[in-house]
C-alpha cells in the first residue's frame, strides 16, 4: 500500500463527540474506515484519561496520532512520543514572573465595578 499523504486531525469535544460525552459507535466506525485512506489523529484539551472515557480505552491505538492536554501529551501508533509540562519547559521563575505580571495587570485595570 502506498504511504498515506493525507493527515486528518479532529477535535474531540464538540466534533467527534458531544461535549464531555462518549463517541458514538458510528463515529468510531467512521474513524476506522478513514484510517484506511488517511492518517488520522485526535486533539483535545482534556487529559488522556478523559479522552479514553470519550473515545475508548484503546484510543492511542485506534488512531494514528493522539494529542491530549492541548498537545502536551502525544502518542503515535500507540507509543508515547512526547510529554511536556509548562512548568518544566519554562521553569518556576518564569512561571512566577508571568503570573505576577498577569495579576498586576488585572489589578491595575480601571473597570467600573470590582467585586
PDB file of N, CA and C in Angstrom:
ATOM      1  N   UNK A   1       0.845  -1.188   0.000  1.00  0.00           N
ATOM      2  CA  UNK A   1       0.000   0.000   0.000  1.00  0.00           C
ATOM      3  C   UNK A   1       0.880   1.237   0.000  1.00  0.00           C
ATOM      4  N   UNK A   2       0.527   2.232  -0.779  1.00  0.00           N
ATOM      5  CA  UNK A   2       1.279   3.485  -0.835  1.00  0.00           C
ATOM      6  C   UNK A   2       1.135   4.233   0.485  1.00  0.00           C
ATOM      7  N   UNK A   3       2.136   5.019   0.797  1.00  0.00           N
ATOM      8  CA  UNK A   3       2.100   5.805   2.028  1.00  0.00           C
ATOM      9  C   UNK A   3       0.917   6.777   1.982  1.00  0.00           C
ATOM     10  N   UNK A   4       0.264   6.929   3.121  1.00  0.00           N
ATOM     11  CA  UNK A   4      -0.859   7.864   3.213  1.00  0.00           C
ATOM     12  C   UNK A   4      -0.293   9.278   3.261  1.00  0.00           C
ATOM     13  N   UNK A   5      -0.745  10.149   2.365  1.00  0.00           N
ATOM     14  CA  UNK A   5      -0.220  11.505   2.293  1.00  0.00           C
ATOM     15  C   UNK A   5      -1.179  12.538   2.859  1.00  0.00           C
ATOM     16  N   UNK A   6      -2.270  12.085   3.399  1.00  0.00           N
ATOM     17  CA  UNK A   6      -3.267  12.998   3.956  1.00  0.00           C
ATOM     18  C   UNK A   6      -3.313  12.799   5.461  1.00  0.00           C
ATOM     19  N   UNK A   7      -3.232  13.888   6.191  1.00  0.00           N
ATOM     20  CA  UNK A   7      -3.359  13.877   7.651  1.00  0.00           C
ATOM     21  C   UNK A   7      -4.670  14.570   8.001  1.00  0.00           C
ATOM     22  N   UNK A   8      -5.507  13.865   8.757  1.00  0.00           N
ATOM     23  CA  UNK A   8      -6.791  14.415   9.184  1.00  0.00           C
ATOM     24  C   UNK A   8      -6.796  14.439  10.710  1.00  0.00           C
ATOM     25  N   UNK A   9      -6.910  15.633  11.277  1.00  0.00           N
ATOM     26  CA  UNK A   9      -6.965  15.791  12.728  1.00  0.00           C
ATOM     27  C   UNK A   9      -8.351  16.260  13.136  1.00  0.00           C
ATOM     28  N   UNK A  10      -8.869  15.663  14.204  1.00  0.00           N
ATOM     29  CA  UNK A  10     -10.185  16.024  14.713  1.00  0.00           C
ATOM     30  C   UNK A  10     -10.075  16.471  16.161  1.00  0.00           C
ATOM     31  N   UNK A  11     -10.811  17.503  16.508  1.00  0.00           N
ATOM     32  CA  UNK A  11     -11.006  17.861  17.906  1.00  0.00           C
ATOM     33  C   UNK A  11     -11.974  16.843  18.492  1.00  0.00           C
ATOM     34  N   UNK A  12     -11.856  16.593  19.783  1.00  0.00           N
ATOM     35  CA  UNK A  12     -12.744  15.611  20.410  1.00  0.00           C
ATOM     36  C   UNK A  12     -14.071  16.263  20.778  1.00  0.00           C
ATOM     37  N   UNK A  13     -14.075  17.128  21.795  1.00  0.00           N
ATOM     38  CA  UNK A  13     -15.317  17.743  22.292  1.00  0.00           C
ATOM     39  C   UNK A  13     -15.969  18.631  21.237  1.00  0.00           C
ATOM     40  N   UNK A  14     -17.219  18.323  20.925  1.00  0.00           N
ATOM     41  CA  UNK A  14     -17.985  19.147  20.004  1.00  0.00           C
ATOM     42  C   UNK A  14     -17.753  18.803  18.535  1.00  0.00           C
ATOM     43  N   UNK A  15     -16.834  17.897  18.245  1.00  0.00           N
ATOM     44  CA  UNK A  15     -16.594  17.467  16.867  1.00  0.00           C
ATOM     45  C   UNK A  15     -16.833  15.965  16.744  1.00  0.00           C
ATOM     46  N   UNK A  16     -16.002  15.186  17.413  1.00  0.00           N
ATOM     47  CA  UNK A  16     -16.201  13.730  17.392  1.00  0.00           C
ATOM     48  C   UNK A  16     -17.256  13.285  18.389  1.00  0.00           C
ATOM     49  N   UNK A  17     -17.416  14.067  19.435  1.00  0.00           N
ATOM     50  CA  UNK A  17     -18.405  13.756  20.472  1.00  0.00           C
ATOM     51  C   UNK A  17     -19.151  15.019  20.842  1.00  0.00           C
ATOM     52  N   UNK A  18     -20.286  14.841  21.470  1.00  0.00           N
ATOM     53  CA  UNK A  18     -20.904  15.970  22.147  1.00  0.00           C
ATOM     54  C   UNK A  18     -19.959  16.336  23.292  1.00  0.00           C
ATOM     55  N   UNK A  19     -19.936  17.590  23.718  1.00  0.00           N
ATOM     56  CA  UNK A  19     -19.009  17.969  24.790  1.00  0.00           C
ATOM     57  C   UNK A  19     -19.086  17.019  25.989  1.00  0.00           C
ATOM     58  N   UNK A  20     -17.929  16.485  26.353  1.00  0.00           N
ATOM     59  CA  UNK A  20     -17.741  15.615  27.518  1.00  0.00           C
ATOM     60  C   UNK A  20     -18.501  14.292  27.444  1.00  0.00           C
ATOM     61  N   UNK A  21     -18.991  13.924  26.251  1.00  0.00           N
ATOM     62  CA  UNK A  21     -19.753  12.676  26.091  1.00  0.00           C
ATOM     63  C   UNK A  21     -18.909  11.634  25.353  1.00  0.00           C
ATOM     64  N   UNK A  22     -19.417  10.401  25.296  1.00  0.00           N
ATOM     65  CA  UNK A  22     -18.734   9.322  24.599  1.00  0.00           C
ATOM     66  C   UNK A  22     -19.016   9.387  23.100  1.00  0.00           C
ATOM     67  N   UNK A  23     -18.033   8.961  22.314  1.00  0.00           N
ATOM     68  CA  UNK A  23     -18.216   8.898  20.869  1.00  0.00           C
ATOM     69  C   UNK A  23     -19.214   7.794  20.524  1.00  0.00           C
ATOM     70  N   UNK A  24     -20.015   8.033  19.514  1.00  0.00           N
ATOM     71  CA  UNK A  24     -20.988   7.030  19.087  1.00  0.00           C
ATOM     72  C   UNK A  24     -20.274   5.897  18.350  1.00  0.00           C
ATOM     73  N   UNK A  25     -20.942   4.779  18.262  1.00  0.00           N
ATOM     74  CA  UNK A  25     -20.399   3.639  17.510  1.00  0.00           C
ATOM     75  C   UNK A  25     -20.184   4.025  16.050  1.00  0.00           C
ATOM     76  N   UNK A  26     -21.092   4.825  15.505  1.00  0.00           N
ATOM     77  CA  UNK A  26     -20.961   5.280  14.120  1.00  0.00           C
ATOM     78  C   UNK A  26     -19.696   6.111  13.931  1.00  0.00           C
ATOM     79  N   UNK A  27     -19.395   6.967  14.885  1.00  0.00           N
ATOM     80  CA  UNK A  27     -18.194   7.792  14.788  1.00  0.00           C
ATOM     81  C   UNK A  27     -16.937   6.932  14.876  1.00  0.00           C
ATOM     82  N   UNK A  28     -16.946   5.963  15.779  1.00  0.00           N
ATOM     83  CA  UNK A  28     -15.798   5.059  15.895  1.00  0.00           C
ATOM     84  C   UNK A  28     -15.576   4.290  14.587  1.00  0.00           C
ATOM     85  N   UNK A  29     -16.655   3.807  13.990  1.00  0.00           N
ATOM     86  CA  UNK A  29     -16.557   3.080  12.724  1.00  0.00           C
ATOM     87  C   UNK A  29     -16.052   3.980  11.607  1.00  0.00           C
ATOM     88  N   UNK A  30     -16.531   5.227  11.579  1.00  0.00           N
ATOM     89  CA  UNK A  30     -16.076   6.189  10.577  1.00  0.00           C
ATOM     90  C   UNK A  30     -14.567   6.408  10.679  1.00  0.00           C
ATOM     91  N   UNK A  31     -14.064   6.587  11.897  1.00  0.00           N
ATOM     92  CA  UNK A  31     -12.624   6.804  12.078  1.00  0.00           C
ATOM     93  C   UNK A  31     -11.819   5.604  11.587  1.00  0.00           C
ATOM     94  N   UNK A  32     -12.299   4.412  11.840  1.00  0.00           N
ATOM     95  CA  UNK A  32     -11.593   3.215  11.384  1.00  0.00           C
ATOM     96  C   UNK A  32     -11.593   3.117   9.852  1.00  0.00           C
ATOM     97  N   UNK A  33     -12.708   3.458   9.229  1.00  0.00           N
ATOM     98  CA  UNK A  33     -12.757   3.453   7.754  1.00  0.00           C
ATOM     99  C   UNK A  33     -11.826   4.521   7.180  1.00  0.00           C
ATOM    100  N   UNK A  34     -11.817   5.690   7.816  1.00  0.00           N
ATOM    101  CA  UNK A  34     -10.977   6.790   7.347  1.00  0.00           C
ATOM    102  C   UNK A  34      -9.492   6.439   7.455  1.00  0.00           C
ATOM    103  N   UNK A  35      -9.127   5.668   8.487  1.00  0.00           N
ATOM    104  CA  UNK A  35      -7.721   5.275   8.671  1.00  0.00           C
ATOM    105  C   UNK A  35      -7.173   4.495   7.488  1.00  0.00           C
ATOM    106  N   UNK A  36      -8.023   3.850   6.733  1.00  0.00           N
ATOM    107  CA  UNK A  36      -7.537   3.112   5.566  1.00  0.00           C
ATOM    108  C   UNK A  36      -7.192   4.047   4.404  1.00  0.00           C
ATOM    109  N   UNK A  37      -7.648   5.293   4.488  1.00  0.00           N
ATOM    110  CA  UNK A  37      -7.424   6.249   3.410  1.00  0.00           C
ATOM    111  C   UNK A  37      -6.507   7.406   3.799  1.00  0.00           C
ATOM    112  N   UNK A  38      -6.376   7.667   5.101  1.00  0.00           N
ATOM    113  CA  UNK A  38      -5.604   8.820   5.563  1.00  0.00           C
ATOM    114  C   UNK A  38      -5.017   8.535   6.940  1.00  0.00           C
ATOM    115  N   UNK A  39      -4.053   9.331   7.309  1.00  0.00           N
ATOM    116  CA  UNK A  39      -3.511   9.288   8.669  1.00  0.00           C
ATOM    117  C   UNK A  39      -4.480  10.069   9.539  1.00  0.00           C
ATOM    118  N   UNK A  40      -4.921   9.475  10.644  1.00  0.00           N
ATOM    119  CA  UNK A  40      -5.966  10.067  11.475  1.00  0.00           C
ATOM    120  C   UNK A  40      -5.425  10.366  12.864  1.00  0.00           C
ATOM    121  N   UNK A  41      -5.747  11.565  13.347  1.00  0.00           N
ATOM    122  CA  UNK A  41      -5.360  11.938  14.699  1.00  0.00           C
ATOM    123  C   UNK A  41      -6.480  12.667  15.405  1.00  0.00           C
ATOM    124  N   UNK A  42      -6.419  12.629  16.723  1.00  0.00           N
ATOM    125  CA  UNK A  42      -7.380  13.382  17.529  1.00  0.00           C
ATOM    126  C   UNK A  42      -6.617  14.329  18.437  1.00  0.00           C
ATOM    127  N   UNK A  43      -7.248  15.457  18.723  1.00  0.00           N
ATOM    128  CA  UNK A  43      -6.651  16.505  19.531  1.00  0.00           C
ATOM    129  C   UNK A  43      -7.681  16.948  20.550  1.00  0.00           C
ATOM    130  N   UNK A  44      -7.255  17.121  21.786  1.00  0.00           N
ATOM    131  CA  UNK A  44      -8.187  17.597  22.797  1.00  0.00           C
ATOM    132  C   UNK A  44      -7.484  18.308  23.932  1.00  0.00           C
ATOM    133  N   UNK A  45      -8.234  19.104  24.629  1.00  0.00           N
ATOM    134  CA  UNK A  45      -7.685  19.822  25.771  1.00  0.00           C
ATOM    135  C   UNK A  45      -7.676  18.994  27.041  1.00  0.00           C
ATOM    136  N   UNK A  46      -8.475  17.965  27.077  1.00  0.00           N
ATOM    137  CA  UNK A  46      -8.563  17.122  28.269  1.00  0.00           C
ATOM    138  C   UNK A  46      -7.340  16.215  28.381  1.00  0.00           C
ATOM    139  N   UNK A  47      -7.195  15.622  29.566  1.00  0.00           N
ATOM    140  CA  UNK A  47      -6.103  14.670  29.753  1.00  0.00           C
ATOM    141  C   UNK A  47      -6.450  13.346  29.072  1.00  0.00           C
ATOM    142  N   UNK A  48      -5.471  12.451  29.002  1.00  0.00           N
ATOM    143  CA  UNK A  48      -5.656  11.182  28.299  1.00  0.00           C
ATOM    144  C   UNK A  48      -6.769  10.349  28.918  1.00  0.00           C
ATOM    145  N   UNK A  49      -6.900  10.377  30.234  1.00  0.00           N
ATOM    146  CA  UNK A  49      -7.962   9.605  30.894  1.00  0.00           C
ATOM    147  C   UNK A  49      -9.329  10.035  30.371  1.00  0.00           C
ATOM    148  N   UNK A  50      -9.554  11.329  30.253  1.00  0.00           N
ATOM    149  CA  UNK A  50     -10.842  11.821  29.747  1.00  0.00           C
ATOM    150  C   UNK A  50     -11.010  11.464  28.278  1.00  0.00           C
ATOM    151  N   UNK A  51      -9.927  11.553  27.489  1.00  0.00           N
ATOM    152  CA  UNK A  51     -10.018  11.147  26.084  1.00  0.00           C
ATOM    153  C   UNK A  51     -10.399   9.671  25.969  1.00  0.00           C
ATOM    154  N   UNK A  52      -9.832   8.847  26.851  1.00  0.00           N
ATOM    155  CA  UNK A  52     -10.164   7.422  26.837  1.00  0.00           C
ATOM    156  C   UNK A  52     -11.625   7.202  27.220  1.00  0.00           C
ATOM    157  N   UNK A  53     -12.142   7.979  28.155  1.00  0.00           N
ATOM    158  CA  UNK A  53     -13.563   7.870  28.506  1.00  0.00           C
ATOM    159  C   UNK A  53     -14.442   8.220  27.317  1.00  0.00           C
ATOM    160  N   UNK A  54     -14.018   9.186  26.519  1.00  0.00           N
ATOM    161  CA  UNK A  54     -14.827   9.644  25.396  1.00  0.00           C
ATOM    162  C   UNK A  54     -14.640   8.799  24.141  1.00  0.00           C
ATOM    163  N   UNK A  55     -13.395   8.392  23.878  1.00  0.00           N
ATOM    164  CA  UNK A  55     -13.082   7.739  22.609  1.00  0.00           C
ATOM    165  C   UNK A  55     -12.785   6.247  22.738  1.00  0.00           C
ATOM    166  N   UNK A  56     -12.724   5.734  23.955  1.00  0.00           N
ATOM    167  CA  UNK A  56     -12.439   4.329  24.187  1.00  0.00           C
ATOM    168  C   UNK A  56     -11.068   4.139  24.822  1.00  0.00           C
ATOM    169  N   UNK A  57     -10.955   3.066  25.592  1.00  0.00           N
ATOM    170  CA  UNK A  57      -9.727   2.817  26.354  1.00  0.00           C
ATOM    171  C   UNK A  57      -8.504   2.649  25.465  1.00  0.00           C
ATOM    172  N   UNK A  58      -8.699   2.205  24.229  1.00  0.00           N
ATOM    173  CA  UNK A  58      -7.575   1.965  23.314  1.00  0.00           C
ATOM    174  C   UNK A  58      -7.372   3.104  22.325  1.00  0.00           C
ATOM    175  N   UNK A  59      -7.800   4.287  22.666  1.00  0.00           N
ATOM    176  CA  UNK A  59      -7.765   5.404  21.722  1.00  0.00           C
ATOM    177  C   UNK A  59      -6.384   5.633  21.128  1.00  0.00           C
ATOM    178  N   UNK A  60      -5.321   5.467  21.900  1.00  0.00           N
ATOM    179  CA  UNK A  60      -3.983   5.727  21.355  1.00  0.00           C
ATOM    180  C   UNK A  60      -3.588   4.683  20.312  1.00  0.00           C
ATOM    181  N   UNK A  61      -4.282   3.549  20.293  1.00  0.00           N
ATOM    182  CA  UNK A  61      -4.038   2.515  19.286  1.00  0.00           C
ATOM    183  C   UNK A  61      -5.068   2.589  18.153  1.00  0.00           C
ATOM    184  N   UNK A  62      -6.217   3.177  18.423  1.00  0.00           N
ATOM    185  CA  UNK A  62      -7.294   3.235  17.431  1.00  0.00           C
ATOM    186  C   UNK A  62      -7.066   4.300  16.363  1.00  0.00           C
ATOM    187  N   UNK A  63      -6.260   5.309  16.677  1.00  0.00           N
ATOM    188  CA  UNK A  63      -5.933   6.363  15.718  1.00  0.00           C
ATOM    189  C   UNK A  63      -4.417   6.396  15.561  1.00  0.00           C
ATOM    190  N   UNK A  64      -3.963   7.044  14.508  1.00  0.00           N
ATOM    191  CA  UNK A  64      -2.523   7.116  14.267  1.00  0.00           C
ATOM    192  C   UNK A  64      -1.830   8.064  15.248  1.00  0.00           C
ATOM    193  N   UNK A  65      -2.496   9.183  15.551  1.00  0.00           N
ATOM    194  CA  UNK A  65      -1.955  10.171  16.481  1.00  0.00           C
ATOM    195  C   UNK A  65      -3.015  10.531  17.501  1.00  0.00           C
ATOM    196  N   UNK A  66      -2.585  10.722  18.731  1.00  0.00           N
ATOM    197  CA  UNK A  66      -3.473  11.177  19.795  1.00  0.00           C
ATOM    198  C   UNK A  66      -2.746  12.264  20.576  1.00  0.00           C
ATOM    199  N   UNK A  67      -3.353  13.447  20.608  1.00  0.00           N
ATOM    200  CA  UNK A  67      -2.786  14.575  21.339  1.00  0.00           C
ATOM    201  C   UNK A  67      -3.763  14.972  22.441  1.00  0.00           C
ATOM    202  N   UNK A  68      -3.349  14.843  23.683  1.00  0.00           N
ATOM    203  CA  UNK A  68      -4.191  15.277  24.800  1.00  0.00           C
ATOM    204  C   UNK A  68      -3.511  16.454  25.496  1.00  0.00           C
ATOM    205  N   UNK A  69      -4.250  17.068  26.424  1.00  0.00           N
ATOM    206  CA  UNK A  69      -3.765  18.228  27.169  1.00  0.00           C
ATOM    207  C   UNK A  69      -3.243  19.308  26.218  1.00  0.00           C
ATOM    208  N   UNK A  70      -4.034  19.594  25.163  1.00  0.00           N
ATOM    209  CA  UNK A  70      -3.692  20.603  24.156  1.00  0.00           C
ATOM    210  C   UNK A  70      -2.354  20.327  23.493  1.00  0.00           C
ATOM    211  N   UNK A  71      -2.055  19.060  23.291  1.00  0.00           N
ATOM    212  CA  UNK A  71      -0.837  18.678  22.597  1.00  0.00           C
ATOM    213  C   UNK A  71       0.368  18.438  23.485  1.00  0.00           C
ATOM    214  N   UNK A  72       0.215  18.602  24.788  1.00  0.00           N
ATOM    215  CA  UNK A  72       1.346  18.398  25.689  1.00  0.00           C
ATOM    216  C   UNK A  72       1.696  16.924  25.859  1.00  0.00           C
ATOM    217  N   UNK A  73       0.734  16.038  25.593  1.00  0.00           N
ATOM    218  CA  UNK A  73       0.978  14.595  25.642  1.00  0.00           C
ATOM    219  C   UNK A  73       0.647  14.053  24.247  1.00  0.00           C
ATOM    220  N   UNK A  74       1.631  13.411  23.604  1.00  0.00           N
ATOM    221  CA  UNK A  74       1.455  12.976  22.223  1.00  0.00           C
ATOM    222  C   UNK A  74       1.786  11.498  22.059  1.00  0.00           C
ATOM    223  N   UNK A  75       0.911  10.789  21.348  1.00  0.00           N
ATOM    224  CA  UNK A  75       1.116   9.378  21.016  1.00  0.00           C
ATOM    225  C   UNK A  75       1.097   9.226  19.502  1.00  0.00           C
ATOM    226  N   UNK A  76       1.959   8.347  18.991  1.00  0.00           N
ATOM    227  CA  UNK A  76       1.958   7.981  17.584  1.00  0.00           C
ATOM    228  C   UNK A  76       1.913   6.462  17.529  1.00  0.00           C
ATOM    229  N   UNK A  77       0.900   5.933  16.856  1.00  0.00           N
ATOM    230  CA  UNK A  77       0.731   4.482  16.740  1.00  0.00           C
ATOM    231  C   UNK A  77       0.831   3.773  18.087  1.00  0.00           C
ATOM    232  N   UNK A  78       0.230   4.368  19.106  1.00  0.00           N
ATOM    233  CA  UNK A  78       0.171   3.750  20.424  1.00  0.00           C
ATOM    234  C   UNK A  78       1.377   3.977  21.309  1.00  0.00           C
ATOM    235  N   UNK A  79       2.411   4.622  20.797  1.00  0.00           N
ATOM    236  CA  UNK A  79       3.617   4.868  21.596  1.00  0.00           C
ATOM    237  C   UNK A  79       3.727   6.338  21.977  1.00  0.00           C
ATOM    238  N   UNK A  80       4.070   6.583  23.231  1.00  0.00           N
ATOM    239  CA  UNK A  80       4.280   7.951  23.700  1.00  0.00           C
ATOM    240  C   UNK A  80       5.476   8.545  22.973  1.00  0.00           C
ATOM    241  N   UNK A  81       5.263   9.674  22.293  1.00  0.00           N
ATOM    242  CA  UNK A  81       6.360  10.321  21.569  1.00  0.00           C
ATOM    243  C   UNK A  81       6.733  11.674  22.164  1.00  0.00           C
ATOM    244  N   UNK A  82       5.916  12.171  23.075  1.00  0.00           N
ATOM    245  CA  UNK A  82       6.245  13.445  23.688  1.00  0.00           C
ATOM    246  C   UNK A  82       5.348  13.755  24.855  1.00  0.00           C
ATOM    247  N   UNK A  83       5.943  14.371  25.847  1.00  0.00           N
ATOM    248  CA  UNK A  83       5.181  14.799  27.021  1.00  0.00           C
ATOM    249  C   UNK A  83       5.888  16.016  27.590  1.00  0.00           C
ATOM    250  N   UNK A  84       5.139  17.075  27.798  1.00  0.00           N
ATOM    251  CA  UNK A  84       5.726  18.312  28.277  1.00  0.00           C
ATOM    252  C   UNK A  84       4.791  18.959  29.284  1.00  0.00           C
ATOM    253  N   UNK A  85       5.352  19.704  30.178  1.00  0.00           N
ATOM    254  CA  UNK A  85       4.572  20.483  31.143  1.00  0.00           C
ATOM    255  C   UNK A  85       5.129  21.897  31.139  1.00  0.00           C
ATOM    256  N   UNK A  86       4.244  22.862  31.240  1.00  0.00           N
ATOM    257  CA  UNK A  86       4.681  24.253  31.127  1.00  0.00           C
ATOM    258  C   UNK A  86       5.705  24.619  32.206  1.00  0.00           C
ATOM    259  N   UNK A  87       5.529  24.085  33.414  1.00  0.00           N
ATOM    260  CA  UNK A  87       6.453  24.461  34.483  1.00  0.00           C
ATOM    261  C   UNK A  87       7.839  23.860  34.279  1.00  0.00           C
ATOM    262  N   UNK A  88       7.927  22.694  33.645  1.00  0.00           N
ATOM    263  CA  UNK A  88       9.259  22.140  33.375  1.00  0.00           C
ATOM    264  C   UNK A  88       9.881  22.797  32.149  1.00  0.00           C
ATOM    265  N   UNK A  89       9.058  23.219  31.204  1.00  0.00           N
ATOM    266  CA  UNK A  89       9.566  23.863  29.997  1.00  0.00           C
ATOM    267  C   UNK A  89      10.051  25.283  30.296  1.00  0.00           C
ATOM    268  N   UNK A  90       9.237  26.054  31.015  1.00  0.00           N
ATOM    269  CA  UNK A  90       9.586  27.449  31.288  1.00  0.00           C
ATOM    270  C   UNK A  90      10.396  27.632  32.565  1.00  0.00           C
ATOM    271  N   UNK A  91      10.206  26.748  33.521  1.00  0.00           N
ATOM    272  CA  UNK A  91      10.873  26.909  34.817  1.00  0.00           C
ATOM    273  C   UNK A  91      10.012  27.718  35.773  1.00  0.00           C
ATOM    274  N   UNK A  92      10.177  27.427  37.047  1.00  0.00           N
ATOM    275  CA  UNK A  92       9.338  28.073  38.069  1.00  0.00           C
ATOM    276  C   UNK A  92       9.521  29.589  38.109  1.00  0.00           C
ATOM    277  N   UNK A  93      10.739  30.086  37.923  1.00  0.00           N
ATOM    278  CA  UNK A  93      10.966  31.539  37.966  1.00  0.00           C
ATOM    279  C   UNK A  93      10.207  32.255  36.852  1.00  0.00           C
ATOM    280  N   UNK A  94      10.206  31.688  35.656  1.00  0.00           N
ATOM    281  CA  UNK A  94       9.472  32.303  34.545  1.00  0.00           C
ATOM    282  C   UNK A  94       7.971  32.214  34.756  1.00  0.00           C
ATOM    283  N   UNK A  95       7.503  31.093  35.281  1.00  0.00           N
ATOM    284  CA  UNK A  95       6.070  30.964  35.582  1.00  0.00           C
ATOM    285  C   UNK A  95       5.663  32.025  36.593  1.00  0.00           C
ATOM    286  N   UNK A  96       6.456  32.179  37.632  1.00  0.00           N
ATOM    287  CA  UNK A  96       6.165  33.177  38.665  1.00  0.00           C
ATOM    288  C   UNK A  96       6.125  34.580  38.066  1.00  0.00           C
ATOM    289  N   UNK A  97       7.052  34.893  37.179  1.00  0.00           N
ATOM    290  CA  UNK A  97       7.078  36.214  36.544  1.00  0.00           C
ATOM    291  C   UNK A  97       5.832  36.441  35.697  1.00  0.00           C
ATOM    292  N   UNK A  98       5.402  35.433  34.961  1.00  0.00           N
ATOM    293  CA  UNK A  98       4.201  35.552  34.128  1.00  0.00           C
ATOM    294  C   UNK A  98       2.960  35.750  35.000  1.00  0.00           C
ATOM    295  N   UNK A  99       2.834  34.945  36.057  1.00  0.00           N
ATOM    296  CA  UNK A  99       1.682  35.054  36.957  1.00  0.00           C
ATOM    297  C   UNK A  99       1.668  36.421  37.630  1.00  0.00           C
ATOM    298  N   UNK A 100       2.804  36.868  38.116  1.00  0.00           N
ATOM    299  CA  UNK A 100       2.874  38.183  38.759  1.00  0.00           C
ATOM    300  C   UNK A 100       2.494  39.294  37.789  1.00  0.00           C
ATOM    301  N   UNK A 101       2.987  39.219  36.551  1.00  0.00           N
ATOM    302  CA  UNK A 101       2.642  40.219  35.549  1.00  0.00           C
ATOM    303  C   UNK A 101       1.131  40.240  35.316  1.00  0.00           C
ATOM    304  N   UNK A 102       0.542  39.058  35.130  1.00  0.00           N
ATOM    305  CA  UNK A 102      -0.895  38.971  34.854  1.00  0.00           C
ATOM    306  C   UNK A 102      -1.721  39.508  36.015  1.00  0.00           C
ATOM    307  N   UNK A 103      -1.336  39.137  37.243  1.00  0.00           N
ATOM    308  CA  UNK A 103      -2.082  39.607  38.411  1.00  0.00           C
ATOM    309  C   UNK A 103      -1.979  41.119  38.573  1.00  0.00           C
ATOM    310  N   UNK A 104      -0.789  41.667  38.380  1.00  0.00           N
ATOM    311  CA  UNK A 104      -0.629  43.135  38.458  1.00  0.00           C
ATOM    312  C   UNK A 104      -1.421  43.822  37.358  1.00  0.00           C
ATOM    313  N   UNK A 105      -1.374  43.284  36.163  1.00  0.00           N
ATOM    314  CA  UNK A 105      -2.100  43.865  35.046  1.00  0.00           C
ATOM    315  C   UNK A 105      -3.596  43.895  35.341  1.00  0.00           C
ATOM    316  N   UNK A 106      -4.130  42.796  35.822  1.00  0.00           N
ATOM    317  CA  UNK A 106      -5.559  42.719  36.139  1.00  0.00           C
ATOM    318  C   UNK A 106      -5.906  43.666  37.279  1.00  0.00           C
ATOM    319  N   UNK A 107      -5.063  43.697  38.304  1.00  0.00           N
ATOM    320  CA  UNK A 107      -5.335  44.573  39.453  1.00  0.00           C
ATOM    321  C   UNK A 107      -5.332  46.043  39.051  1.00  0.00           C
ATOM    322  N   UNK A 108      -4.544  46.404  38.061  1.00  0.00           N
ATOM    323  CA  UNK A 108      -4.436  47.802  37.641  1.00  0.00           C
ATOM    324  C   UNK A 108      -5.490  48.217  36.622  1.00  0.00           C
ATOM    325  N   UNK A 109      -6.309  47.282  36.151  1.00  0.00           N
ATOM    326  CA  UNK A 109      -7.362  47.637  35.208  1.00  0.00           C
ATOM    327  C   UNK A 109      -8.373  48.560  35.878  1.00  0.00           C
ATOM    328  N   UNK A 110      -8.743  49.614  35.167  1.00  0.00           N
ATOM    329  CA  UNK A 110      -9.746  50.536  35.694  1.00  0.00           C
ATOM    330  C   UNK A 110     -11.094  50.138  35.122  1.00  0.00           C
ATOM    331  N   UNK A 111     -11.821  49.347  35.890  1.00  0.00           N
ATOM    332  CA  UNK A 111     -13.137  48.912  35.456  1.00  0.00           C
ATOM    333  C   UNK A 111     -14.179  49.522  36.383  1.00  0.00           C
ATOM    334  N   UNK A 112     -15.418  49.703  35.905  1.00  0.00           N
ATOM    335  CA  UNK A 112     -16.435  50.407  36.687  1.00  0.00           C
ATOM    336  C   UNK A 112     -16.705  49.783  38.060  1.00  0.00           C
ATOM    337  N   UNK A 113     -16.738  48.480  38.129  1.00  0.00           N
ATOM    338  CA  UNK A 113     -17.058  47.820  39.396  1.00  0.00           C
ATOM    339  C   UNK A 113     -16.086  46.663  39.598  1.00  0.00           C
ATOM    340  N   UNK A 114     -15.494  46.613  40.784  1.00  0.00           N
ATOM    341  CA  UNK A 114     -14.638  45.469  41.128  1.00  0.00           C
ATOM    342  C   UNK A 114     -15.260  44.791  42.321  1.00  0.00           C
ATOM    343  N   UNK A 115     -15.499  43.505  42.204  1.00  0.00           N
ATOM    344  CA  UNK A 115     -16.078  42.771  43.329  1.00  0.00           C
ATOM    345  C   UNK A 115     -15.345  41.496  43.539  1.00  0.00           C
TER     346      UNK A 115
END
